[in-house]
Amino acid sequence: MKNILVIGAGRSASSLIRYLLEHSSAEGWKIKVADVSIELARQKTVQHANAIAIGFDVNNVEQRQAEIKQANVVVSMLPASMHLIVATDCLQFGKHLITASYVSKDIAALDADAKKKGILFLNEMGLDPGIDHMSAMQIIDRIKASGGELTAFRSYCGGLVAPESNDNPWGYKFTWNPRNVVLAGQGTAQYIEDGQYKYIPYNRLFTQIENVSVEGYGEFDAYANRDSLSYRQPYGLESIPTMLRGTLRMKGYCNAWNAFVQLGLTDDTYKIADSNKMTYAQLVEAYLPNGNGSIVHRLSTFLNETEGSELMKKIIWLGILENEKIKISNSSPAEILQELLERKWKLKENDKDMIVMQHKFNYKLNSEEKMITSSLVVKGHDQIYTAMAQTVGLPMAIATKLLLNNRVKSRGVVIPTVKEIYEPVLKELEGLGIKFNEKLV
């Protein structure tokens, strides 16, 4: 028997755990699901004969090391900041590690030691990052093999709500970590366009948007990710003139979200004393210049909007201009906004989420200009097996199987840009309904 330790049983782990359970008997696996909430772990293991659910404190060194020692592969669904302590133990005990998180500098620094130990630390193995890397590299490698020269690469992804469940003015509901959504884009976005480096500071990020069209699903807003430049080397596109990675939202979302950025309500750097004694209207008042008229009038003036504009309708719908008491104390503006949004943007019982991803490849072949557009749309089944859970968890689960079956020879700190990983993973994902639609122009 081979032992798999899954640390974290949150919303993104549902499809991962189900896949491992479904394959456990045929593959000879024992799966241990560890979470700070043993009840949550039990819900995900569904009393399966090949699974054990345990309560788990990642900061309990003795427990953490004891569990990692017993595993052949550790799959960490923890927040990115917690991967290092798990990776350090995996290195000490010679255990493979798979995560869906970006490679941090600290994790990257373990590459040489992991290679010496003959173990794989496979990161960025989820959706974005993950499926984006694999699907992009498959086409990039194909274009290069045909003799083509890439001149531009643009990649976009968004976790959204399915059209049939889109019943609020924002066209958005939470399908993953709400904090990450509220803090998205902070910093300066950087990319390259026509050979020139471009930078977009946070205060302009949601105003400099592109229009992305996906056949059958209409048009979306796209804003630039924080760093599009660092992937030129992993993708083998060091000299490409244009490279941009971006995030998708429903039309109109970015313009409205920019109102919160301009007000300062996405700031997480300080706390508001006794915030629970304020109303939401008083919070917004505190950020508006002095003036006459209603709060709606003064906010619309501040934003250069009419009172009845679509943007103002979105803000009014949230209830942030109401005299309702704020429910959390001594919190940052971003935390206050997040708490409100978690109630207003909550998936209802029968709601379905949707993942949309699109790549655009411009290249020259035999002196001709060509473009490939590759699009993916995945809808969730329900609130547990969401599109986000499928697209984050299934690539990790498939990679776990490949690793345990000795089909992955790479060692050290790796992301899935190599054929031995992306080819079999994408092939199996296609069989599970996660399939790209490709068009050549």
Protein backbone atom coordinates (compact mmCIF):
# COMPACT_ATOMS: atom_id res chain seq x y z
CA MET A 1 0.00 0.00 0.00
CA LYS A 2 1.10 3.57 -0.73
CA ASN A 3 0.15 6.34 1.62
CA ILE A 4 -1.13 9.77 0.54
CA LEU A 5 -1.40 12.57 3.07
CA VAL A 6 -3.77 15.39 2.08
CA ILE A 7 -3.38 18.41 4.34
CA GLY A 8 -6.42 20.66 4.15
CA ALA A 9 -10.01 19.65 3.37
CA GLY A 10 -11.41 23.04 2.36
CA ARG A 11 -13.63 23.88 -0.60
CA SER A 12 -10.90 23.42 -3.23
CA ALA A 13 -10.05 19.92 -1.96
CA SER A 14 -13.41 18.26 -2.69
CA SER A 15 -12.71 16.93 -6.20
CA LEU A 16 -9.11 16.07 -5.32
CA ILE A 17 -10.16 13.86 -2.43
CA ARG A 18 -13.01 12.24 -4.35
CA TYR A 19 -10.66 11.32 -7.22
CA LEU A 20 -8.12 9.78 -4.84
CA LEU A 21 -10.84 7.78 -3.10
CA GLU A 22 -12.30 6.54 -6.38
CA HIS A 23 -8.88 5.27 -7.53
CA SER A 24 -7.64 4.05 -4.16
CA SER A 25 -8.66 0.40 -4.41
CA ALA A 26 -7.34 -0.13 -7.93
CA GLU A 27 -4.10 1.71 -7.16
CA GLY A 28 -3.53 0.32 -3.68
CA TRP A 29 -3.65 3.66 -1.84
CA LYS A 30 -4.41 4.63 1.72
CA ILE A 31 -5.47 8.26 1.99
CA LYS A 32 -5.26 10.31 5.15
CA VAL A 33 -7.14 13.62 5.07
CA ALA A 34 -5.90 16.02 7.74
CA ASP A 35 -7.64 19.26 8.62
CA VAL A 36 -7.91 21.54 11.62
CA SER A 37 -11.61 20.56 11.55
CA ILE A 38 -11.93 16.79 11.86
CA GLU A 39 -15.61 17.13 10.94
CA LEU A 40 -14.69 18.71 7.62
CA ALA A 41 -12.15 15.96 6.99
CA ARG A 42 -14.80 13.33 7.77
CA GLN A 43 -17.25 14.96 5.35
CA LYS A 44 -14.71 14.68 2.55
CA THR A 45 -13.64 11.08 3.28
CA VAL A 46 -17.29 9.86 3.48
CA GLN A 47 -16.31 6.87 5.64
CA HIS A 48 -14.41 5.33 2.70
CA ALA A 49 -12.65 2.08 3.57
CA ASN A 50 -9.34 3.38 2.23
CA ALA A 51 -9.45 6.74 3.98
CA ILE A 52 -8.81 8.14 7.43
CA ALA A 53 -9.87 11.59 8.62
CA ILE A 54 -7.85 13.27 11.36
CA GLY A 55 -7.81 16.56 13.19
CA PHE A 56 -4.55 18.27 12.33
CA ASP A 57 -2.61 21.28 13.56
CA VAL A 58 0.12 22.14 11.06
CA ASN A 59 1.97 24.06 13.79
CA ASN A 60 2.15 20.96 16.00
CA VAL A 61 5.65 19.84 15.03
CA GLU A 62 5.39 16.38 16.55
CA GLN A 63 2.08 15.57 14.85
CA ARG A 64 3.09 17.12 11.54
CA GLN A 65 6.36 15.22 11.31
CA ALA A 66 4.78 11.95 12.42
CA GLU A 67 2.16 12.16 9.66
CA ILE A 68 4.62 13.22 6.95
CA LYS A 69 6.97 10.35 7.87
CA GLN A 70 4.22 7.83 7.08
CA ALA A 71 3.37 9.28 3.66
CA ASN A 72 4.74 8.53 0.22
CA VAL A 73 3.28 11.75 -1.18
CA VAL A 74 2.07 14.84 0.67
CA VAL A 75 -0.58 16.97 -1.06
CA SER A 76 -0.79 20.36 0.64
CA MET A 77 -3.97 22.39 0.27
CA LEU A 78 -2.79 24.82 2.93
CA PRO A 79 -2.44 28.57 2.35
CA ALA A 80 0.75 29.35 0.46
CA SER A 81 2.44 30.84 3.53
CA MET A 82 2.28 27.47 5.30
CA HIS A 83 3.87 25.31 2.59
CA LEU A 84 7.44 25.96 3.71
CA ILE A 85 7.20 24.16 7.05
CA VAL A 86 5.60 21.18 5.30
CA ALA A 87 8.23 21.26 2.54
CA THR A 88 11.05 21.38 5.10
CA ASP A 89 9.75 18.21 6.75
CA CYS A 90 9.22 16.54 3.37
CA LEU A 91 12.85 17.31 2.56
CA GLN A 92 14.04 15.93 5.89
CA PHE A 93 12.12 12.68 5.50
CA GLY A 94 12.47 12.29 1.72
CA LYS A 95 8.79 12.69 0.77
CA HIS A 96 7.29 14.06 -2.45
CA LEU A 97 5.16 17.22 -2.16
CA ILE A 98 2.44 18.60 -4.45
CA THR A 99 0.81 22.04 -4.09
CA ALA A 100 -1.32 24.37 -6.18
CA SER A 101 0.55 27.48 -5.01
CA TYR A 102 3.06 29.70 -6.75
CA VAL A 103 6.71 28.82 -6.10
CA SER A 104 7.95 31.16 -3.37
CA LYS A 105 11.60 32.15 -3.06
CA ASP A 106 11.88 29.96 0.03
CA ILE A 107 10.48 26.92 -1.76
CA ALA A 108 12.65 27.59 -4.84
CA ALA A 109 15.70 27.59 -2.57
CA LEU A 110 15.02 23.92 -1.73
CA ASP A 111 15.53 22.77 -5.34
CA ALA A 112 19.11 21.49 -5.06
CA ASP A 113 18.46 19.67 -1.78
CA ALA A 114 15.29 18.07 -3.13
CA LYS A 115 17.20 16.80 -6.16
CA LYS A 116 19.87 15.31 -3.90
CA LYS A 117 17.14 13.52 -1.94
CA GLY A 118 15.56 12.29 -5.19
CA ILE A 119 12.19 13.85 -4.39
CA LEU A 120 9.76 16.04 -6.35
CA PHE A 121 8.28 19.28 -5.07
CA LEU A 122 5.62 19.88 -7.73
CA ASN A 123 4.09 23.34 -7.35
CA GLU A 124 1.59 25.42 -9.34
CA MET A 125 -0.37 22.25 -10.08
CA GLY A 126 -3.91 23.63 -9.80
CA LEU A 127 -5.91 25.85 -12.15
CA ASP A 128 -4.16 29.22 -12.29
CA PRO A 129 -1.38 28.41 -11.79
CA GLY A 130 -1.53 24.90 -13.18
CA ILE A 131 -3.88 24.14 -16.04
CA ASP A 132 -2.87 27.50 -17.54
CA HIS A 133 0.80 26.41 -17.66
CA MET A 134 0.07 22.96 -19.04
CA SER A 135 -2.39 24.03 -21.74
CA ALA A 136 -0.17 26.91 -22.81
CA MET A 137 3.00 24.81 -22.98
CA GLN A 138 1.29 22.12 -25.02
CA ILE A 139 0.52 24.66 -27.77
CA ILE A 140 3.79 26.59 -27.41
CA ASP A 141 5.79 23.39 -27.85
CA ARG A 142 3.64 22.44 -30.85
CA ILE A 143 4.14 25.83 -32.53
CA LYS A 144 7.89 25.66 -31.99
CA ALA A 145 8.05 22.08 -33.31
CA SER A 146 6.34 23.22 -36.52
CA GLY A 147 8.96 25.94 -37.01
CA GLY A 148 6.76 28.78 -35.82
CA GLU A 149 8.05 31.83 -33.96
CA LEU A 150 5.82 33.21 -31.19
CA THR A 151 5.35 36.97 -31.26
CA ALA A 152 2.65 37.40 -28.61
CA PHE A 153 1.12 35.32 -25.83
CA ARG A 154 -1.85 36.42 -23.76
CA SER A 155 -3.51 34.27 -21.11
CA TYR A 156 -6.62 35.01 -19.06
CA CYS A 157 -8.49 33.14 -16.34
CA GLY A 158 -11.40 33.84 -14.03
CA GLY A 159 -13.40 32.05 -11.36
CA LEU A 160 -16.94 33.29 -12.03
CA VAL A 161 -20.58 32.40 -11.52
CA ALA A 162 -22.40 30.39 -14.20
CA PRO A 163 -24.86 32.41 -16.33
CA GLU A 164 -27.85 30.50 -14.94
CA SER A 165 -26.81 31.47 -11.39
CA ASN A 166 -25.88 35.05 -12.23
CA ASP A 167 -28.59 36.92 -10.33
CA ASN A 168 -26.82 39.97 -8.89
CA PRO A 169 -25.65 43.21 -10.57
CA TRP A 170 -21.96 42.37 -10.05
CA GLY A 171 -22.07 39.05 -11.89
CA TYR A 172 -19.86 37.61 -9.18
CA LYS A 173 -20.02 35.22 -6.22
CA PHE A 174 -17.25 33.75 -4.10
CA THR A 175 -15.96 30.38 -5.29
CA TRP A 176 -12.55 30.57 -3.62
CA ASN A 177 -10.69 32.50 -0.92
CA PRO A 178 -12.63 35.78 -0.44
CA ARG A 179 -9.61 37.55 1.05
CA ASN A 180 -7.63 36.95 -2.13
CA VAL A 181 -10.45 38.46 -4.19
CA VAL A 182 -10.65 41.60 -2.04
CA LEU A 183 -6.88 42.10 -2.08
CA ALA A 184 -6.44 41.15 -5.74
CA GLY A 185 -4.10 43.24 -7.81
CA GLN A 186 -2.43 45.16 -5.00
CA GLY A 187 1.06 46.11 -6.07
CA THR A 188 2.05 47.00 -9.62
CA ALA A 189 1.17 44.85 -12.63
CA GLN A 190 4.01 44.36 -15.10
CA TYR A 191 4.07 42.88 -18.58
CA ILE A 192 5.70 43.40 -21.98
CA GLU A 193 3.95 44.71 -25.10
CA ASP A 194 5.57 45.18 -28.51
CA GLY A 195 8.98 44.94 -26.87
CA GLN A 196 8.27 47.61 -24.25
CA TYR A 197 7.90 46.97 -20.53
CA LYS A 198 4.57 48.18 -19.19
CA TYR A 199 3.60 48.89 -15.59
CA ILE A 200 0.15 49.51 -14.14
CA PRO A 201 0.01 50.77 -10.52
CA TYR A 202 -2.84 49.49 -8.35
CA ASN A 203 -4.74 52.79 -8.47
CA ARG A 204 -5.13 52.37 -12.27
CA LEU A 205 -5.34 48.59 -12.55
CA PHE A 206 -9.12 48.31 -12.82
CA THR A 207 -9.37 51.16 -15.33
CA GLN A 208 -6.90 49.70 -17.86
CA ILE A 209 -8.89 46.66 -18.89
CA GLU A 210 -9.13 44.57 -22.03
CA ASN A 211 -12.15 43.01 -23.65
CA VAL A 212 -11.98 39.21 -23.96
CA SER A 213 -14.60 37.33 -25.98
CA VAL A 214 -15.35 33.64 -25.43
CA GLU A 215 -17.61 31.95 -27.96
CA GLY A 216 -20.96 31.03 -26.46
CA TYR A 217 -20.36 33.04 -23.28
CA GLY A 218 -19.96 36.60 -24.48
CA GLU A 219 -17.50 39.27 -23.43
CA PHE A 220 -15.51 39.67 -20.22
CA ASP A 221 -13.39 42.33 -18.53
CA ALA A 222 -9.71 41.40 -18.16
CA TYR A 223 -7.22 43.15 -15.89
CA ALA A 224 -3.48 42.46 -15.80
CA ASN A 225 -1.98 40.08 -13.23
CA ARG A 226 0.76 41.37 -10.99
CA ASP A 227 3.66 39.67 -12.79
CA SER A 228 3.52 38.46 -16.37
CA LEU A 229 7.26 38.73 -16.94
CA SER A 230 8.59 35.95 -14.73
CA TYR A 231 7.00 33.24 -16.90
CA ARG A 232 8.97 34.08 -20.03
CA GLN A 233 11.82 31.82 -18.91
CA PRO A 234 9.73 28.80 -17.77
CA TYR A 235 7.73 29.00 -21.00
CA GLY A 236 10.87 29.31 -23.13
CA LEU A 237 9.70 32.71 -24.40
CA GLU A 238 12.59 34.87 -23.20
CA SER A 239 12.62 37.05 -26.34
CA ILE A 240 8.86 37.27 -27.01
CA PRO A 241 7.78 40.90 -27.74
CA THR A 242 4.36 40.63 -26.03
CA MET A 243 3.38 38.59 -22.98
CA LEU A 244 0.45 39.26 -20.66
CA ARG A 245 -1.39 37.21 -18.06
CA GLY A 246 -4.71 38.54 -16.78
CA THR A 247 -7.80 37.88 -14.66
CA LEU A 248 -11.35 37.71 -16.06
CA ARG A 249 -14.48 39.24 -14.58
CA MET A 250 -17.98 39.87 -15.92
CA LYS A 251 -18.47 43.07 -17.94
CA GLY A 252 -18.74 46.12 -15.70
CA TYR A 253 -17.18 44.48 -12.64
CA CYS A 254 -13.79 46.19 -12.91
CA ASN A 255 -15.22 49.68 -13.27
CA ALA A 256 -17.36 49.17 -10.16
CA TRP A 257 -14.59 47.53 -8.13
CA ASN A 258 -12.38 50.50 -8.92
CA ALA A 259 -14.78 52.63 -6.84
CA PHE A 260 -13.67 50.73 -3.72
CA VAL A 261 -10.03 51.09 -4.71
CA GLN A 262 -10.42 54.86 -5.14
CA LEU A 263 -12.28 55.19 -1.83
CA GLY A 264 -9.60 53.20 0.01
CA LEU A 265 -11.88 50.38 1.11
CA THR A 266 -9.54 47.63 -0.14
CA ASP A 267 -6.72 48.79 2.17
CA ASP A 268 -5.58 46.09 4.59
CA THR A 269 -2.64 47.95 6.17
CA TYR A 270 -4.37 49.42 9.24
CA LYS A 271 -7.29 48.84 11.61
CA ILE A 272 -10.29 51.05 12.29
CA ALA A 273 -10.83 51.28 16.04
CA ASP A 274 -14.31 50.25 17.22
CA SER A 275 -15.42 49.60 13.65
CA ASN A 276 -18.37 47.60 14.98
CA LYS A 277 -19.81 50.84 16.41
CA MET A 278 -20.03 52.35 12.92
CA THR A 279 -22.58 51.77 10.19
CA TYR A 280 -21.56 50.99 6.62
CA ALA A 281 -22.81 54.43 5.59
CA GLN A 282 -20.62 56.05 8.25
CA LEU A 283 -17.65 54.06 6.97
CA VAL A 284 -18.13 55.37 3.44
CA GLU A 285 -18.73 58.89 4.82
CA ALA A 286 -15.35 58.71 6.54
CA TYR A 287 -13.65 58.31 3.17
CA LEU A 288 -15.61 60.96 1.25
CA PRO A 289 -14.63 64.62 1.00
CA ASN A 290 -16.90 67.02 2.90
CA GLY A 291 -19.84 68.31 0.91
CA ASN A 292 -23.58 68.76 0.68
CA GLY A 293 -26.29 66.36 -0.35
CA SER A 294 -27.03 62.71 0.27
CA ILE A 295 -24.33 60.08 0.53
CA VAL A 296 -25.44 58.69 -2.84
CA HIS A 297 -25.07 62.12 -4.42
CA ARG A 298 -21.67 62.81 -2.90
CA LEU A 299 -20.31 59.34 -3.71
CA SER A 300 -21.49 59.56 -7.32
CA THR A 301 -19.90 63.02 -7.59
CA PHE A 302 -16.63 61.70 -6.12
CA LEU A 303 -16.65 58.88 -8.69
CA ASN A 304 -17.74 61.13 -11.58
CA GLU A 305 -20.87 59.04 -12.02
CA THR A 306 -24.56 59.84 -12.29
CA GLU A 307 -26.66 58.70 -9.34
CA GLY A 308 -28.51 56.19 -11.51
CA SER A 309 -25.47 54.74 -13.31
CA GLU A 310 -24.85 51.01 -13.51
CA LEU A 311 -21.82 51.44 -11.25
CA MET A 312 -23.88 53.18 -8.57
CA LYS A 313 -26.57 50.52 -8.83
CA LYS A 314 -23.95 47.88 -8.04
CA ILE A 315 -22.70 49.78 -4.98
CA ILE A 316 -26.20 50.52 -3.68
CA TRP A 317 -27.20 46.86 -4.12
CA LEU A 318 -24.38 45.78 -1.78
CA GLY A 319 -25.91 47.76 1.08
CA ILE A 320 -22.69 49.58 1.86
CA LEU A 321 -24.54 52.92 1.91
CA GLU A 322 -27.09 51.70 4.46
CA ASN A 323 -27.30 52.48 8.19
CA GLU A 324 -26.63 48.86 9.11
CA LYS A 325 -24.05 48.29 11.84
CA ILE A 326 -20.73 46.79 10.80
CA LYS A 327 -20.45 43.32 12.29
CA ILE A 328 -16.72 43.10 13.05
CA SER A 329 -14.57 45.18 15.39
CA ASN A 330 -11.09 46.70 15.07
CA SER A 331 -10.84 45.62 11.45
CA SER A 332 -9.17 46.96 8.35
CA PRO A 333 -11.29 48.53 5.58
CA ALA A 334 -10.56 45.45 3.45
CA GLU A 335 -11.76 43.11 6.21
CA ILE A 336 -14.96 45.10 6.66
CA LEU A 337 -15.63 45.04 2.92
CA GLN A 338 -14.86 41.32 2.77
CA GLU A 339 -17.31 40.49 5.57
CA LEU A 340 -20.09 42.32 3.75
CA LEU A 341 -19.26 40.75 0.40
CA GLU A 342 -19.18 37.24 1.88
CA ARG A 343 -22.86 37.68 2.74
CA LYS A 344 -23.86 39.38 -0.50
CA TRP A 345 -21.77 37.28 -2.90
CA LYS A 346 -22.49 33.90 -1.33
CA LEU A 347 -23.35 30.96 -3.57
CA LYS A 348 -26.95 29.86 -3.01
CA GLU A 349 -27.83 26.22 -2.50
CA ASN A 350 -28.42 25.44 -6.17
CA ASP A 351 -25.95 27.91 -7.65
CA LYS A 352 -23.17 26.80 -9.97
CA ASP A 353 -19.82 28.45 -10.48
CA MET A 354 -17.88 28.65 -13.74
CA ILE A 355 -14.22 28.72 -14.73
CA VAL A 356 -13.26 30.57 -17.91
CA MET A 357 -9.73 30.44 -19.34
CA GLN A 358 -8.44 31.66 -22.66
CA HIS A 359 -5.01 31.73 -24.31
CA LYS A 360 -4.12 33.70 -27.43
CA PHE A 361 -0.97 32.76 -29.37
CA ASN A 362 0.28 34.98 -32.18
CA TYR A 363 3.09 33.49 -34.26
CA LYS A 364 4.84 33.58 -37.62
CA LEU A 365 5.09 30.46 -39.74
CA ASN A 366 6.58 30.51 -43.25
CA SER A 367 6.30 34.33 -43.28
CA GLU A 368 2.58 34.13 -42.48
CA GLU A 369 0.95 35.69 -39.40
CA LYS A 370 -1.22 33.21 -37.52
CA MET A 371 -3.18 33.14 -34.28
CA ILE A 372 -4.51 30.31 -32.15
CA THR A 373 -7.22 30.97 -29.59
CA SER A 374 -7.68 28.22 -26.99
CA SER A 375 -10.65 28.52 -24.62
CA LEU A 376 -11.86 26.50 -21.65
CA VAL A 377 -15.20 26.78 -19.84
CA VAL A 378 -16.03 24.49 -16.90
CA LYS A 379 -19.21 24.65 -14.83
CA GLY A 380 -19.57 23.29 -11.32
CA HIS A 381 -21.88 20.46 -10.36
CA ASP A 382 -22.97 21.93 -7.02
CA GLN A 383 -21.58 23.89 -4.06
CA ILE A 384 -19.20 21.08 -3.07
CA TYR A 385 -17.92 19.87 -6.43
CA THR A 386 -17.54 23.32 -7.89
CA ALA A 387 -15.76 24.18 -11.12
CA MET A 388 -13.03 25.68 -8.96
CA ALA A 389 -12.67 22.48 -6.93
CA GLN A 390 -12.53 20.41 -10.12
CA THR A 391 -9.96 22.53 -11.89
CA VAL A 392 -7.74 23.03 -8.84
CA GLY A 393 -8.00 19.55 -7.38
CA LEU A 394 -8.10 17.17 -10.33
CA PRO A 395 -4.71 18.17 -11.82
CA MET A 396 -3.14 17.61 -8.40
CA ALA A 397 -4.84 14.24 -8.01
CA ILE A 398 -3.79 13.06 -11.47
CA ALA A 399 -0.22 14.19 -10.81
CA THR A 400 -0.25 12.24 -7.55
CA LYS A 401 -1.22 9.10 -9.45
CA LEU A 402 1.45 9.64 -12.10
CA LEU A 403 4.10 10.19 -9.44
CA LEU A 404 3.17 7.09 -7.46
CA ASN A 405 3.22 5.05 -10.68
CA ASN A 406 6.76 6.27 -11.46
CA ARG A 407 5.63 8.10 -14.59
CA VAL A 408 7.19 11.40 -13.52
CA LYS A 409 10.97 11.39 -13.47
CA SER A 410 11.51 15.10 -12.72
CA ARG A 411 12.98 15.90 -9.32
CA GLY A 412 13.57 19.07 -7.34
CA VAL A 413 11.28 22.11 -7.37
CA VAL A 414 9.20 21.88 -10.56
CA ILE A 415 6.15 23.48 -12.19
CA PRO A 416 4.11 21.56 -14.80
CA THR A 417 5.66 23.01 -17.96
CA VAL A 418 7.34 19.73 -18.96
CA LYS A 419 5.77 17.20 -21.34
CA GLU A 420 6.02 14.23 -19.00
CA ILE A 421 3.58 16.04 -16.71
CA TYR A 422 1.38 18.15 -18.96
CA GLU A 423 0.65 15.58 -21.66
CA PRO A 424 -0.85 12.81 -19.47
CA VAL A 425 -2.57 15.27 -17.13
CA LEU A 426 -4.27 17.20 -19.94
CA LYS A 427 -5.28 13.96 -21.64
CA GLU A 428 -6.98 12.65 -18.51
CA LEU A 429 -8.58 16.02 -17.76
CA GLU A 430 -10.09 15.99 -21.24
CA GLY A 431 -11.68 12.63 -20.46
CA LEU A 432 -13.15 14.21 -17.32
CA GLY A 433 -14.75 17.03 -19.33
CA ILE A 434 -12.08 19.67 -18.82
CA LYS A 435 -11.34 20.30 -22.48
CA PHE A 436 -10.09 23.32 -24.43
CA ASN A 437 -11.70 24.51 -27.63
CA GLU A 438 -9.01 25.56 -30.11
CA LYS A 439 -9.36 27.86 -33.13
CA LEU A 440 -6.74 28.76 -35.73
CA VAL A 441 -7.06 32.13 -37.45
